[in-house]
Protein backbone atom coordinates (compact mmCIF):
# COMPACT_ATOMS: atom_id res chain seq x y z
CA UNK A 1 8.57 0.20 10.74
CA UNK A 2 9.70 3.77 10.48
CA UNK A 3 9.12 6.45 13.07
CA UNK A 4 7.95 9.96 12.20
CA UNK A 5 6.75 13.03 14.03
CA UNK A 6 3.51 14.87 13.25
CA UNK A 7 2.18 18.14 14.55
CA UNK A 8 -1.36 18.16 15.94
CA UNK A 9 -3.51 20.91 17.32
CA UNK A 10 -4.38 20.65 20.98
CA UNK A 11 -7.90 19.68 19.96
CA UNK A 12 -6.70 16.93 17.62
CA UNK A 13 -4.37 15.55 20.26
CA UNK A 14 -7.13 15.60 22.88
CA UNK A 15 -9.51 13.72 20.62
CA UNK A 16 -6.81 11.23 19.61
CA UNK A 17 -5.95 10.64 23.26
CA UNK A 18 -9.63 10.12 24.17
CA UNK A 19 -10.13 7.71 21.28
CA UNK A 20 -7.04 5.77 22.32
CA UNK A 21 -8.43 5.33 25.82
CA UNK A 22 -11.86 4.41 24.48
CA UNK A 23 -10.58 1.84 21.98
CA UNK A 24 -7.70 0.46 24.02
CA UNK A 25 -5.29 1.27 21.20
CA UNK A 26 -2.31 3.59 21.30
CA UNK A 27 -2.28 6.98 19.63
CA UNK A 28 0.30 5.56 17.21
CA UNK A 29 -1.95 2.65 16.26
CA UNK A 30 -4.89 4.96 15.61
CA UNK A 31 -2.79 7.36 13.54
CA UNK A 32 -1.40 4.48 11.48
CA UNK A 33 -4.92 3.13 10.84
CA UNK A 34 -6.19 6.50 9.69
CA UNK A 35 -3.17 7.03 7.45
CA UNK A 36 -3.59 3.56 5.91
CA UNK A 37 -7.23 4.28 5.09
CA UNK A 38 -6.31 7.65 3.59
CA UNK A 39 -3.61 6.05 1.43
CA UNK A 40 -6.00 3.29 0.27
CA UNK A 41 -8.61 5.88 -0.72
CA UNK A 42 -6.18 8.16 -2.53
CA UNK A 43 -3.86 5.88 -4.45
CA UNK A 44 -4.37 4.79 -8.04
CA UNK A 45 -6.45 2.78 -8.26
CA UNK A 46 -7.99 3.27 -4.89
CA UNK A 47 -8.56 -0.14 -3.33
CA UNK A 48 -12.17 0.70 -2.52
CA UNK A 49 -12.82 1.79 -6.13
CA UNK A 50 -11.18 -1.37 -7.47
CA UNK A 51 -13.26 -3.55 -5.17
CA UNK A 52 -16.46 -1.73 -6.18
CA UNK A 53 -15.63 -2.25 -9.87
CA UNK A 54 -14.97 -5.96 -9.36
CA UNK A 55 -18.24 -6.38 -7.47
CA UNK A 56 -20.15 -4.44 -10.14
CA UNK A 57 -18.70 -6.65 -12.88
CA UNK A 58 -19.59 -9.91 -11.17
CA UNK A 59 -22.13 -11.82 -13.26
CA UNK A 60 -22.35 -9.34 -16.13
CA UNK A 61 -22.37 -12.16 -18.71
CA UNK A 62 -24.69 -14.34 -16.70
CA UNK A 63 -27.71 -13.99 -19.00
CA UNK A 64 -25.91 -14.18 -22.35
CA UNK A 65 -26.97 -17.07 -24.54
CA UNK A 66 -24.56 -16.39 -27.43
CA UNK A 67 -21.56 -17.84 -25.62
CA UNK A 68 -20.77 -21.53 -25.49
CA UNK A 69 -20.59 -23.07 -22.03
CA UNK A 70 -17.26 -24.18 -20.67
């Protein structure tokens, strides 16, 4: 793990602190979770987009009768 420092507004810090108390997680854990989700959604290909494409493709040849069976 690597340590870094981020700057938050007072409001952001207050909300983060409240969420940490509510969830039983540390502020660091919550920040790491949010950053991981942001990275997943904004990297090529985004994991969520890849998963949606795989799910959409499932069974696309199901009704074809021009292919021999394996």
